Amino acid sequence: MDILSALEELESVIESSKKPLLQSDKVIVDQETLYRYIDLIRANLPDEIRDAQWVKKEEQRIIDSAREEYDRIIMEAQAKIQRMAEQTEIVRLAKQEAQEILDSAEQTAHELTENAFMYANDIMEKIEKQLTIYYDVVQDGRAEIQQSLRQLQQSQIVPEDEQQPYEEYDEYET
């Protein structure tokens, strides 16, 4: 199950949960159910991170490919320059054309490299936005869980010294 499916199911559980009397903006959700969904989401987070790592590798592959293309174009241009230089009558024209080829090759290589970086940046930005959304959803869910748990503990008629300890976490631990 992926993260979005788990979050949708968690949302469904919350929507179908009982509401305390006189508190329509609160719900009572089984603690084990919430922890099960948190564990499921946590287990699926590494897939998103692996996707980011794949994008990084793909970025490097594109850059390497652009560099190889650049080297190939340069070598072809140099070979063409050499052939043209051997023709004594057109040496000047050969140098001019060779320089144009080199300029064109450098421009093409520059554009390929720039496009590779832009592509990789766009993908990383999309993944970052998605991970931010996941993080915000998890944080909101945790805040609701903690608030519901506090309310549940406060509503029980159990002496304070018999209540189970409750630890509140500031950071999401994996």
C-alpha atoms as a PDB file:
ATOM      1  CA  MET A   1       0.000   0.000   0.000  1.00  0.00           C
ATOM      2  CA  ASP A   2       1.410   3.410  -0.867  1.00  0.00           C
ATOM      3  CA  ILE A   3       1.419   6.490   1.343  1.00  0.00           C
ATOM      4  CA  LEU A   4      -1.499   8.201  -0.369  1.00  0.00           C
ATOM      5  CA  SER A   5      -3.693   5.100   0.006  1.00  0.00           C
ATOM      6  CA  ALA A   6      -2.766   4.798   3.663  1.00  0.00           C
ATOM      7  CA  LEU A   7      -3.567   8.461   4.234  1.00  0.00           C
ATOM      8  CA  GLU A   8      -6.897   8.098   2.447  1.00  0.00           C
ATOM      9  CA  GLU A   9      -7.795   5.091   4.607  1.00  0.00           C
ATOM     10  CA  LEU A  10      -6.738   6.971   7.740  1.00  0.00           C
ATOM     11  CA  GLU A  11      -8.904   9.879   6.679  1.00  0.00           C
ATOM     12  CA  SER A  12     -11.812   7.484   6.175  1.00  0.00           C
ATOM     13  CA  VAL A  13     -11.264   6.005   9.653  1.00  0.00           C
ATOM     14  CA  ILE A  14     -11.268   9.502  11.153  1.00  0.00           C
ATOM     15  CA  GLU A  15     -14.383  10.539   9.231  1.00  0.00           C
ATOM     16  CA  SER A  16     -16.266   7.424  10.338  1.00  0.00           C
ATOM     17  CA  SER A  17     -15.158   7.670  13.984  1.00  0.00           C
ATOM     18  CA  LYS A  18     -17.504   8.548  16.822  1.00  0.00           C
ATOM     19  CA  LYS A  19     -17.687  12.139  17.994  1.00  0.00           C
ATOM     20  CA  PRO A  20     -17.752  13.014  21.708  1.00  0.00           C
ATOM     21  CA  LEU A  21     -20.908  14.604  22.993  1.00  0.00           C
ATOM     22  CA  LEU A  22     -21.039  18.356  22.439  1.00  0.00           C
ATOM     23  CA  GLN A  23     -17.765  18.350  20.473  1.00  0.00           C
ATOM     24  CA  SER A  24     -18.538  18.034  16.795  1.00  0.00           C
ATOM     25  CA  ASP A  25     -15.009  19.046  15.795  1.00  0.00           C
ATOM     26  CA  LYS A  26     -13.407  16.115  17.650  1.00  0.00           C
ATOM     27  CA  VAL A  27     -13.403  12.356  17.043  1.00  0.00           C
ATOM     28  CA  ILE A  28     -12.522   9.272  19.059  1.00  0.00           C
ATOM     29  CA  VAL A  29     -10.194   6.942  17.188  1.00  0.00           C
ATOM     30  CA  ASP A  30      -8.700   3.671  18.378  1.00  0.00           C
ATOM     31  CA  GLN A  31      -5.093   4.299  19.309  1.00  0.00           C
ATOM     32  CA  GLU A  32      -3.821   1.029  17.804  1.00  0.00           C
ATOM     33  CA  THR A  33      -5.485   1.872  14.483  1.00  0.00           C
ATOM     34  CA  LEU A  34      -3.728   5.223  14.387  1.00  0.00           C
ATOM     35  CA  TYR A  35      -0.371   3.680  15.233  1.00  0.00           C
ATOM     36  CA  ARG A  36      -0.888   1.046  12.530  1.00  0.00           C
ATOM     37  CA  TYR A  37      -1.388   3.769   9.913  1.00  0.00           C
ATOM     38  CA  ILE A  38       1.578   5.762  11.203  1.00  0.00           C
ATOM     39  CA  ASP A  39       3.762   2.640  10.929  1.00  0.00           C
ATOM     40  CA  LEU A  40       2.446   1.970   7.423  1.00  0.00           C
ATOM     41  CA  ILE A  41       3.201   5.534   6.307  1.00  0.00           C
ATOM     42  CA  ARG A  42       6.638   5.397   7.919  1.00  0.00           C
ATOM     43  CA  ALA A  43       7.388   2.097   6.147  1.00  0.00           C
ATOM     44  CA  ASN A  44       6.493   3.613   2.776  1.00  0.00           C
ATOM     45  CA  LEU A  45       8.490   6.827   3.124  1.00  0.00           C
ATOM     46  CA  PRO A  46      11.755   5.203   2.001  1.00  0.00           C
ATOM     47  CA  ASP A  47      10.175   4.524  -1.419  1.00  0.00           C
ATOM     48  CA  GLU A  48       9.821   8.261  -1.955  1.00  0.00           C
ATOM     49  CA  ILE A  49      13.384   8.787  -0.839  1.00  0.00           C
ATOM     50  CA  ARG A  50      14.575   6.041  -3.224  1.00  0.00           C
ATOM     51  CA  ASP A  51      12.721   7.880  -5.992  1.00  0.00           C
ATOM     52  CA  ALA A  52      14.672  11.027  -5.123  1.00  0.00           C
ATOM     53  CA  GLN A  53      17.918   9.054  -5.214  1.00  0.00           C
ATOM     54  CA  TRP A  54      16.964   7.642  -8.617  1.00  0.00           C
ATOM     55  CA  VAL A  55      16.365  11.169  -9.886  1.00  0.00           C
ATOM     56  CA  LYS A  56      19.799  12.178  -8.630  1.00  0.00           C
ATOM     57  CA  LYS A  57      21.399   9.215 -10.451  1.00  0.00           C
ATOM     58  CA  GLU A  58      19.375  10.006 -13.563  1.00  0.00           C
ATOM     59  CA  GLU A  59      20.567  13.605 -13.351  1.00  0.00           C
ATOM     60  CA  GLN A  60      24.182  12.389 -13.272  1.00  0.00           C
ATOM     61  CA  ARG A  61      23.533  10.010 -16.190  1.00  0.00           C
ATOM     62  CA  ILE A  62      22.102  12.884 -18.255  1.00  0.00           C
ATOM     63  CA  ILE A  63      25.046  15.121 -17.381  1.00  0.00           C
ATOM     64  CA  ASP A  64      27.515  12.337 -18.258  1.00  0.00           C
ATOM     65  CA  SER A  65      25.695  11.741 -21.524  1.00  0.00           C
ATOM     66  CA  ALA A  66      25.826  15.451 -22.331  1.00  0.00           C
ATOM     67  CA  ARG A  67      29.561  15.492 -21.567  1.00  0.00           C
ATOM     68  CA  GLU A  68      30.136  12.457 -23.819  1.00  0.00           C
ATOM     69  CA  GLU A  69      28.156  14.123 -26.587  1.00  0.00           C
ATOM     70  CA  TYR A  70      30.176  17.286 -26.059  1.00  0.00           C
ATOM     71  CA  ASP A  71      33.458  15.320 -26.279  1.00  0.00           C
ATOM     72  CA  ARG A  72      32.272  13.481 -29.383  1.00  0.00           C
ATOM     73  CA  ILE A  73      31.243  16.723 -31.083  1.00  0.00           C
ATOM     74  CA  ILE A  74      34.559  18.341 -30.170  1.00  0.00           C
ATOM     75  CA  MET A  75      36.528  15.363 -31.478  1.00  0.00           C
ATOM     76  CA  GLU A  76      34.550  15.396 -34.731  1.00  0.00           C
ATOM     77  CA  ALA A  77      35.121  19.122 -35.041  1.00  0.00           C
ATOM     78  CA  GLN A  78      38.854  18.736 -34.422  1.00  0.00           C
ATOM     79  CA  ALA A  79      39.065  15.914 -36.956  1.00  0.00           C
ATOM     80  CA  LYS A  80      37.245  18.059 -39.477  1.00  0.00           C
ATOM     81  CA  ILE A  81      39.580  20.964 -38.711  1.00  0.00           C
ATOM     82  CA  GLN A  82      42.596  18.724 -39.308  1.00  0.00           C
ATOM     83  CA  ARG A  83      41.246  17.494 -42.652  1.00  0.00           C
ATOM     84  CA  MET A  84      40.470  21.005 -43.771  1.00  0.00           C
ATOM     85  CA  ALA A  85      43.848  22.327 -42.683  1.00  0.00           C
ATOM     86  CA  GLU A  86      45.549  19.821 -44.964  1.00  0.00           C
ATOM     87  CA  GLN A  87      43.994  21.507 -47.936  1.00  0.00           C
ATOM     88  CA  THR A  88      46.393  24.437 -48.353  1.00  0.00           C
ATOM     89  CA  GLU A  89      44.180  26.684 -50.463  1.00  0.00           C
ATOM     90  CA  ILE A  90      41.330  26.746 -48.018  1.00  0.00           C
ATOM     91  CA  VAL A  91      43.177  26.819 -44.697  1.00  0.00           C
ATOM     92  CA  ARG A  92      41.659  30.134 -43.664  1.00  0.00           C
ATOM     93  CA  LEU A  93      38.156  29.018 -44.558  1.00  0.00           C
ATOM     94  CA  ALA A  94      38.720  25.754 -42.738  1.00  0.00           C
ATOM     95  CA  LYS A  95      39.769  27.550 -39.570  1.00  0.00           C
ATOM     96  CA  GLN A  96      36.728  29.806 -39.762  1.00  0.00           C
ATOM     97  CA  GLU A  97      34.346  26.919 -40.302  1.00  0.00           C
ATOM     98  CA  ALA A  98      36.082  24.876 -37.622  1.00  0.00           C
ATOM     99  CA  GLN A  99      35.639  27.687 -35.141  1.00  0.00           C
ATOM    100  CA  GLU A 100      31.955  27.899 -36.038  1.00  0.00           C
ATOM    101  CA  ILE A 101      31.650  24.146 -35.532  1.00  0.00           C
ATOM    102  CA  LEU A 102      33.411  24.395 -32.179  1.00  0.00           C
ATOM    103  CA  ASP A 103      31.193  27.294 -31.145  1.00  0.00           C
ATOM    104  CA  SER A 104      28.118  25.364 -32.228  1.00  0.00           C
ATOM    105  CA  ALA A 105      29.318  22.234 -30.428  1.00  0.00           C
ATOM    106  CA  GLU A 106      30.016  24.178 -27.248  1.00  0.00           C
ATOM    107  CA  GLN A 107      26.630  25.875 -27.473  1.00  0.00           C
ATOM    108  CA  THR A 108      24.889  22.516 -27.998  1.00  0.00           C
ATOM    109  CA  ALA A 109      26.791  20.941 -25.123  1.00  0.00           C
ATOM    110  CA  HIS A 110      25.977  23.928 -22.920  1.00  0.00           C
ATOM    111  CA  GLU A 111      22.282  23.683 -23.797  1.00  0.00           C
ATOM    112  CA  LEU A 112      22.239  19.921 -23.162  1.00  0.00           C
ATOM    113  CA  THR A 113      23.903  20.380 -19.779  1.00  0.00           C
ATOM    114  CA  GLU A 114      21.628  23.286 -18.846  1.00  0.00           C
ATOM    115  CA  ASN A 115      18.534  21.314 -19.856  1.00  0.00           C
ATOM    116  CA  ALA A 116      19.722  18.306 -17.834  1.00  0.00           C
ATOM    117  CA  PHE A 117      20.139  20.471 -14.740  1.00  0.00           C
ATOM    118  CA  MET A 118      16.752  22.131 -15.277  1.00  0.00           C
ATOM    119  CA  TYR A 119      15.070  18.736 -15.676  1.00  0.00           C
ATOM    120  CA  ALA A 120      16.722  17.341 -12.555  1.00  0.00           C
ATOM    121  CA  ASN A 121      15.846  20.487 -10.604  1.00  0.00           C
ATOM    122  CA  ASP A 122      12.180  20.270 -11.669  1.00  0.00           C
ATOM    123  CA  ILE A 123      11.958  16.624 -10.603  1.00  0.00           C
ATOM    124  CA  MET A 124      13.638  17.326  -7.253  1.00  0.00           C
ATOM    125  CA  GLU A 125      11.284  20.276  -6.683  1.00  0.00           C
ATOM    126  CA  LYS A 126       8.235  18.071  -7.343  1.00  0.00           C
ATOM    127  CA  ILE A 127       9.511  15.388  -4.988  1.00  0.00           C
ATOM    128  CA  GLU A 128      10.273  18.019  -2.349  1.00  0.00           C
ATOM    129  CA  LYS A 129       6.727  19.419  -2.618  1.00  0.00           C
ATOM    130  CA  GLN A 130       5.234  15.931  -2.357  1.00  0.00           C
ATOM    131  CA  LEU A 131       7.357  15.054   0.665  1.00  0.00           C
ATOM    132  CA  THR A 132       6.362  18.369   2.297  1.00  0.00           C
ATOM    133  CA  ILE A 133       2.714  17.478   1.783  1.00  0.00           C
ATOM    134  CA  TYR A 134       3.274  14.044   3.319  1.00  0.00           C
ATOM    135  CA  TYR A 135       5.129  15.572   6.240  1.00  0.00           C
ATOM    136  CA  ASP A 136       2.368  18.141   6.873  1.00  0.00           C
ATOM    137  CA  VAL A 137      -0.330  15.459   6.741  1.00  0.00           C
ATOM    138  CA  VAL A 138       1.586  13.268   9.190  1.00  0.00           C
ATOM    139  CA  GLN A 139       2.210  16.214  11.535  1.00  0.00           C
ATOM    140  CA  ASP A 140      -1.491  17.182  11.443  1.00  0.00           C
ATOM    141  CA  GLY A 141      -2.494  13.572  12.081  1.00  0.00           C
ATOM    142  CA  ARG A 142      -0.087  13.288  14.985  1.00  0.00           C
ATOM    143  CA  ALA A 143      -1.379  16.551  16.479  1.00  0.00           C
ATOM    144  CA  GLU A 144      -4.953  15.267  16.257  1.00  0.00           C
ATOM    145  CA  ILE A 145      -3.945  11.956  17.803  1.00  0.00           C
ATOM    146  CA  GLN A 146      -2.161  13.675  20.659  1.00  0.00           C
ATOM    147  CA  GLN A 147      -5.090  16.012  21.282  1.00  0.00           C
ATOM    148  CA  SER A 148      -7.596  13.137  21.193  1.00  0.00           C
ATOM    149  CA  LEU A 149      -5.440  11.109  23.558  1.00  0.00           C
ATOM    150  CA  ARG A 150      -5.184  14.017  26.018  1.00  0.00           C
ATOM    151  CA  GLN A 151      -8.943  14.509  25.872  1.00  0.00           C
ATOM    152  CA  LEU A 152      -9.517  10.811  26.365  1.00  0.00           C
ATOM    153  CA  GLN A 153      -7.177  10.735  29.342  1.00  0.00           C
ATOM    154  CA  GLN A 154      -8.814  13.826  30.830  1.00  0.00           C
ATOM    155  CA  SER A 155     -12.303  12.383  30.417  1.00  0.00           C
ATOM    156  CA  GLN A 156     -11.481   9.165  32.303  1.00  0.00           C
ATOM    157  CA  ILE A 157     -12.266   9.071  36.000  1.00  0.00           C
ATOM    158  CA  VAL A 158      -8.943   7.567  37.002  1.00  0.00           C
ATOM    159  CA  PRO A 159      -6.698   9.028  39.697  1.00  0.00           C
ATOM    160  CA  GLU A 160      -3.784  10.813  38.118  1.00  0.00           C
ATOM    161  CA  ASP A 161      -1.216   8.500  39.696  1.00  0.00           C
ATOM    162  CA  GLU A 162      -2.867   5.473  37.987  1.00  0.00           C
ATOM    163  CA  GLN A 163      -2.962   6.988  34.489  1.00  0.00           C
ATOM    164  CA  GLN A 164      -0.638   5.571  31.878  1.00  0.00           C
ATOM    165  CA  PRO A 165       2.236   7.976  31.110  1.00  0.00           C
ATOM    166  CA  TYR A 166       1.925   9.784  27.799  1.00  0.00           C
ATOM    167  CA  GLU A 167       4.981  11.089  26.008  1.00  0.00           C
ATOM    168  CA  GLU A 168       4.618  13.854  23.487  1.00  0.00           C
ATOM    169  CA  TYR A 169       7.197  13.914  20.710  1.00  0.00           C
ATOM    170  CA  ASP A 170       8.460  17.108  19.115  1.00  0.00           C
ATOM    171  CA  GLU A 171      10.006  15.446  16.085  1.00  0.00           C
ATOM    172  CA  TYR A 172       8.786  12.585  13.901  1.00  0.00           C
ATOM    173  CA  GLU A 173      11.005   9.636  14.753  1.00  0.00           C
ATOM    174  CA  THR A 174      11.665   6.752  12.376  1.00  0.00           C
END
